[in-house]
Amino acid sequence: MIILYLFVFILGLVIGSFLNVCIYRIPRGESIVNPPSHCTNCGTRLQPPDLVPVLSFLFLKGKCRYCGVKVSPRYAVVELVTALAFTMLFHRYGFSVYFPAAAYLTAILIVVFAIDLEHRIIPNGLVIAGLIGGAALTVYNVFHPVVIYGDRHWWNPLLGIAVGSGFLFVVAVISVFIYKSDEAMGMGDVKIFAPIGIFLGWRMTAVALFLSVVTAGIAGLLLMLKSMKNRKATFPFGPFIALSSYIVLLWGWDILVWYLKRL
């Protein structure tokens, strides 16, 4: 069993390395497959010893082997986070069909977290990739009925979209009138809840939405108390959506049951 966990961890490291490519290139409008991996400073094509997840960063002391420029620690962090996230999902779901589905969504959420945190955008390509994966999962559920969403009804993923994206769309419209600005709620936040809704179904999407709003609200309040932000300032909501959705993938039903018992 330990070997399986080790395999999943290594798989996560490798996929995390690819996610780093996505995080860097997608906001810049570059292809994620061509050209091959290279130093973003000197342009030198990286060789296999330079591409070993986490270890290459440590052995090279966080610098490019060819030009000596420092490499962002984000690369190693993303690889390690992806490996840990996949391992936790495997521990939760084992060999069930939900493990690859949850891992796929998690990979997209990690990219969303990093890009929105740095660039304040959630690219449409990530939404489309999520929708494609969600559609595949829905089709599978039709021909191989399993309780993926906690509900076998065909409309559950569609209602998940309505709960997540629909709610945030209403908030975005109201925010435009209140703040006289279309930047209060980004449409990327609205759109990314579409694939999340498909994967999670309406109940778990509601939990993810609730956690996102609560954690973002707490963070905003703390920032204002520290005078780091004023009331009209904004900060990216995508990271809170990504983190909350991953938490729901692991413990969503437990959180819902705990909450309902205290009503």
Protein backbone atom coordinates (compact mmCIF):
# COMPACT_ATOMS: atom_id res chain seq x y z
CA MET A 1 0.00 0.00 0.00
CA ILE A 2 2.88 2.36 0.77
CA ILE A 3 4.14 1.84 -2.77
CA LEU A 4 0.80 3.04 -4.14
CA TYR A 5 0.94 6.19 -2.04
CA LEU A 6 4.52 6.76 -3.20
CA PHE A 7 3.44 6.31 -6.83
CA VAL A 8 0.62 8.85 -6.41
CA PHE A 9 3.00 11.28 -4.69
CA ILE A 10 5.53 11.03 -7.53
CA LEU A 11 2.73 11.38 -10.08
CA GLY A 12 1.68 14.55 -8.29
CA LEU A 13 5.22 15.92 -8.48
CA VAL A 14 5.37 15.30 -12.22
CA ILE A 15 1.95 16.84 -12.85
CA GLY A 16 2.88 19.74 -10.60
CA SER A 17 5.87 20.39 -12.86
CA PHE A 18 3.48 20.63 -15.82
CA LEU A 19 1.16 22.89 -13.84
CA ASN A 20 4.09 25.28 -13.38
CA VAL A 21 4.32 25.54 -17.15
CA CYS A 22 0.61 26.33 -17.30
CA ILE A 23 0.86 28.92 -14.53
CA TYR A 24 3.67 30.76 -16.28
CA ARG A 25 2.57 30.50 -19.92
CA ILE A 26 -1.23 30.71 -19.93
CA PRO A 27 -1.46 34.33 -18.65
CA ARG A 28 1.12 35.30 -21.27
CA GLY A 29 -0.81 33.71 -24.11
CA GLU A 30 1.94 31.17 -24.80
CA SER A 31 1.56 27.53 -25.80
CA ILE A 32 1.86 25.07 -22.93
CA VAL A 33 3.45 22.41 -25.17
CA ASN A 34 5.84 24.33 -27.38
CA PRO A 35 8.64 25.35 -27.05
CA PRO A 36 10.06 22.81 -24.58
CA SER A 37 10.89 23.91 -21.03
CA HIS A 38 13.53 26.63 -20.95
CA CYS A 39 14.95 29.27 -18.63
CA THR A 40 12.69 32.30 -18.71
CA ASN A 41 15.73 34.57 -18.39
CA CYS A 42 18.40 33.24 -20.76
CA GLY A 43 16.15 31.06 -22.91
CA THR A 44 18.40 27.99 -22.63
CA ARG A 45 16.52 24.73 -23.10
CA LEU A 46 16.44 22.80 -19.83
CA GLN A 47 17.89 19.30 -19.75
CA PRO A 48 16.51 16.28 -17.81
CA PRO A 49 18.71 16.96 -14.72
CA ASP A 50 17.17 20.45 -14.56
CA LEU A 51 13.61 19.13 -14.61
CA VAL A 52 13.46 16.75 -11.65
CA PRO A 53 10.58 18.08 -9.52
CA VAL A 54 11.66 19.77 -6.27
CA LEU A 55 15.08 18.05 -6.24
CA SER A 56 16.47 20.08 -9.14
CA PHE A 57 15.46 23.27 -7.36
CA LEU A 58 17.20 22.14 -4.17
CA PHE A 59 20.38 20.84 -5.84
CA LEU A 60 20.74 23.97 -7.98
CA LYS A 61 20.06 26.13 -4.90
CA GLY A 62 17.16 27.86 -6.58
CA LYS A 63 19.21 29.16 -9.52
CA CYS A 64 19.38 28.54 -13.25
CA ARG A 65 22.29 26.22 -14.06
CA TYR A 66 23.18 28.27 -17.16
CA CYS A 67 22.79 31.96 -16.26
CA GLY A 68 22.68 31.85 -12.48
CA VAL A 69 19.47 33.85 -12.16
CA LYS A 70 17.33 32.96 -9.16
CA VAL A 71 14.34 30.73 -9.84
CA SER A 72 11.09 31.47 -8.02
CA PRO A 73 10.47 29.04 -5.15
CA ARG A 74 6.91 28.87 -6.45
CA TYR A 75 7.99 26.11 -8.84
CA ALA A 76 9.02 23.77 -6.05
CA VAL A 77 6.03 24.79 -3.91
CA VAL A 78 3.53 24.01 -6.67
CA GLU A 79 5.13 20.62 -7.33
CA LEU A 80 5.11 19.71 -3.65
CA VAL A 81 1.57 21.01 -3.07
CA THR A 82 0.27 19.03 -6.05
CA ALA A 83 1.94 15.85 -4.81
CA LEU A 84 0.49 16.27 -1.31
CA ALA A 85 -2.94 17.19 -2.65
CA PHE A 86 -3.06 14.10 -4.88
CA THR A 87 -1.88 11.86 -2.05
CA MET A 88 -4.63 13.14 0.25
CA LEU A 89 -7.23 12.58 -2.46
CA PHE A 90 -5.98 9.03 -2.98
CA HIS A 91 -6.23 8.42 0.74
CA ARG A 92 -9.81 9.73 0.65
CA TYR A 93 -11.08 7.98 -2.49
CA GLY A 94 -8.69 5.11 -3.18
CA PHE A 95 -9.25 3.39 -6.54
CA SER A 96 -12.77 4.75 -7.03
CA VAL A 97 -13.61 6.69 -10.17
CA TYR A 98 -13.71 9.86 -8.12
CA PHE A 99 -9.97 9.89 -7.49
CA PRO A 100 -8.91 10.75 -11.08
CA ALA A 101 -11.89 13.09 -11.36
CA ALA A 102 -11.00 14.89 -8.14
CA ALA A 103 -7.30 14.98 -9.10
CA TYR A 104 -8.18 16.53 -12.47
CA LEU A 105 -10.28 19.25 -10.85
CA THR A 106 -7.60 19.82 -8.21
CA ALA A 107 -4.95 20.37 -10.88
CA ILE A 108 -7.12 23.07 -12.45
CA LEU A 109 -7.79 24.64 -9.05
CA ILE A 110 -4.05 24.86 -8.32
CA VAL A 111 -3.46 26.71 -11.58
CA VAL A 112 -6.43 29.00 -10.87
CA PHE A 113 -5.07 29.74 -7.38
CA ALA A 114 -1.61 30.73 -8.65
CA ILE A 115 -2.67 32.70 -11.72
CA ASP A 116 -5.42 34.67 -10.02
CA LEU A 117 -3.17 35.43 -7.07
CA GLU A 118 -0.48 36.89 -9.33
CA HIS A 119 -2.39 38.26 -12.33
CA ARG A 120 -5.94 38.79 -10.97
CA ILE A 121 -7.43 36.76 -13.85
CA ILE A 122 -8.93 33.31 -14.36
CA PRO A 123 -8.29 32.44 -18.03
CA ASN A 124 -11.16 31.03 -20.05
CA GLY A 125 -8.96 28.12 -21.09
CA LEU A 126 -9.00 26.79 -17.54
CA VAL A 127 -12.79 27.05 -17.41
CA ILE A 128 -13.08 25.18 -20.72
CA ALA A 129 -10.67 22.47 -19.55
CA GLY A 130 -12.75 22.06 -16.41
CA LEU A 131 -16.00 21.87 -18.38
CA ILE A 132 -14.57 19.19 -20.67
CA GLY A 133 -13.50 17.09 -17.69
CA GLY A 134 -16.84 17.66 -15.99
CA ALA A 135 -18.72 16.61 -19.13
CA ALA A 136 -16.68 13.41 -19.34
CA LEU A 137 -17.44 12.65 -15.71
CA THR A 138 -21.16 13.28 -16.27
CA VAL A 139 -21.25 10.94 -19.28
CA TYR A 140 -19.46 8.25 -17.28
CA ASN A 141 -22.00 8.63 -14.51
CA VAL A 142 -24.83 8.08 -16.98
CA PHE A 143 -23.50 4.73 -18.22
CA HIS A 144 -21.90 3.61 -14.95
CA PRO A 145 -24.17 4.93 -12.20
CA VAL A 146 -22.22 5.68 -9.05
CA VAL A 147 -23.01 8.15 -6.34
CA ILE A 148 -20.32 10.61 -7.43
CA TYR A 149 -22.22 13.70 -6.40
CA GLY A 150 -24.18 12.08 -3.59
CA ASP A 151 -27.11 12.19 -6.02
CA ARG A 152 -27.77 10.11 -9.16
CA HIS A 153 -30.16 12.59 -10.75
CA TRP A 154 -28.97 13.76 -14.18
CA TRP A 155 -29.76 17.37 -13.35
CA ASN A 156 -27.57 17.51 -10.26
CA PRO A 157 -24.43 18.80 -12.10
CA LEU A 158 -26.56 21.41 -13.92
CA LEU A 159 -28.04 22.58 -10.64
CA GLY A 160 -24.49 22.74 -9.31
CA ILE A 161 -23.64 25.24 -12.04
CA ALA A 162 -26.75 27.28 -11.20
CA VAL A 163 -25.92 27.36 -7.48
CA GLY A 164 -22.28 28.41 -7.93
CA SER A 165 -22.10 30.50 -11.09
CA GLY A 166 -25.69 31.70 -10.82
CA PHE A 167 -25.26 33.06 -7.32
CA LEU A 168 -21.98 34.81 -8.11
CA PHE A 169 -23.43 36.26 -11.32
CA VAL A 170 -26.23 37.88 -9.31
CA VAL A 171 -23.64 39.20 -6.85
CA ALA A 172 -21.57 40.58 -9.74
CA VAL A 173 -24.57 42.40 -11.21
CA ILE A 174 -25.54 43.89 -7.85
CA SER A 175 -21.91 44.92 -7.22
CA VAL A 176 -21.84 46.90 -10.46
CA PHE A 177 -24.74 49.03 -9.27
CA ILE A 178 -23.45 49.43 -5.73
CA TYR A 179 -19.79 50.16 -6.47
CA LYS A 180 -20.33 51.65 -9.95
CA SER A 181 -17.57 49.38 -11.20
CA ASP A 182 -17.41 46.04 -13.03
CA GLU A 183 -14.28 45.05 -11.10
CA ALA A 184 -15.95 44.32 -7.75
CA MET A 185 -16.60 40.71 -8.80
CA GLY A 186 -14.62 39.32 -11.71
CA MET A 187 -16.47 37.22 -14.28
CA GLY A 188 -13.67 34.69 -14.05
CA ASP A 189 -14.87 33.89 -10.53
CA VAL A 190 -18.38 33.38 -11.90
CA LYS A 191 -17.25 31.14 -14.76
CA ILE A 192 -14.88 28.89 -12.78
CA PHE A 193 -17.80 27.78 -10.62
CA ALA A 194 -19.37 26.18 -13.72
CA PRO A 195 -16.92 23.23 -13.84
CA ILE A 196 -16.82 23.14 -10.05
CA GLY A 197 -20.60 22.82 -10.04
CA ILE A 198 -20.47 19.92 -12.51
CA PHE A 199 -17.91 18.01 -10.48
CA LEU A 200 -19.43 18.66 -7.05
CA GLY A 201 -23.16 18.77 -7.66
CA TRP A 202 -25.43 21.34 -6.07
CA ARG A 203 -25.04 20.39 -2.41
CA MET A 204 -21.25 20.34 -2.35
CA THR A 205 -21.10 23.41 -4.60
CA ALA A 206 -23.18 25.25 -2.02
CA VAL A 207 -20.72 24.20 0.67
CA ALA A 208 -17.74 25.30 -1.47
CA LEU A 209 -19.42 28.63 -2.19
CA PHE A 210 -20.18 29.18 1.49
CA LEU A 211 -16.59 28.40 2.52
CA SER A 212 -15.24 30.66 -0.22
CA VAL A 213 -17.32 33.63 0.90
CA VAL A 214 -16.57 33.08 4.60
CA THR A 215 -12.80 32.68 4.17
CA ALA A 216 -12.58 35.62 1.77
CA GLY A 217 -14.65 37.73 4.14
CA ILE A 218 -12.40 36.88 7.09
CA ALA A 219 -9.29 37.63 5.05
CA GLY A 220 -10.74 40.95 3.89
CA LEU A 221 -11.67 41.93 7.42
CA LEU A 222 -8.20 41.10 8.74
CA LEU A 223 -6.58 43.12 5.97
CA MET A 224 -8.76 46.12 6.71
CA LEU A 225 -8.05 45.87 10.44
CA LYS A 226 -4.35 45.92 9.65
CA SER A 227 -4.87 48.97 7.43
CA MET A 228 -3.46 47.05 4.50
CA LYS A 229 -6.61 47.54 2.46
CA ASN A 230 -9.34 50.12 2.40
CA ARG A 231 -13.01 49.33 1.91
CA LYS A 232 -12.93 49.96 -1.81
CA ALA A 233 -9.82 47.92 -2.44
CA THR A 234 -10.13 44.47 -3.96
CA PHE A 235 -8.21 41.22 -3.72
CA PRO A 236 -8.46 38.04 -5.80
CA PHE A 237 -11.34 35.74 -4.94
CA GLY A 238 -10.08 32.83 -7.06
CA PRO A 239 -7.61 31.49 -4.45
CA PHE A 240 -10.42 31.23 -1.89
CA ILE A 241 -12.62 29.42 -4.41
CA ALA A 242 -9.82 27.00 -5.26
CA LEU A 243 -8.89 26.25 -1.66
CA SER A 244 -12.51 25.89 -0.52
CA SER A 245 -13.38 23.58 -3.42
CA TYR A 246 -10.43 21.34 -2.60
CA ILE A 247 -11.47 21.21 1.05
CA VAL A 248 -14.94 20.14 -0.11
CA LEU A 249 -13.43 17.40 -2.27
CA LEU A 250 -11.91 15.95 0.89
CA TRP A 251 -14.39 16.74 3.65
CA GLY A 252 -17.43 18.33 2.03
CA TRP A 253 -20.00 15.84 3.25
CA ASP A 254 -18.53 15.81 6.73
CA ILE A 255 -18.74 19.61 6.86
CA LEU A 256 -22.35 19.58 5.62
CA VAL A 257 -23.45 16.93 8.15
CA TRP A 258 -21.65 18.77 10.97
CA TYR A 259 -23.39 22.02 10.02
CA LEU A 260 -26.86 20.49 9.66
CA LYS A 261 -26.61 18.83 13.08
CA ARG A 262 -26.09 22.24 14.65
CA LEU A 263 -29.03 23.96 13.04
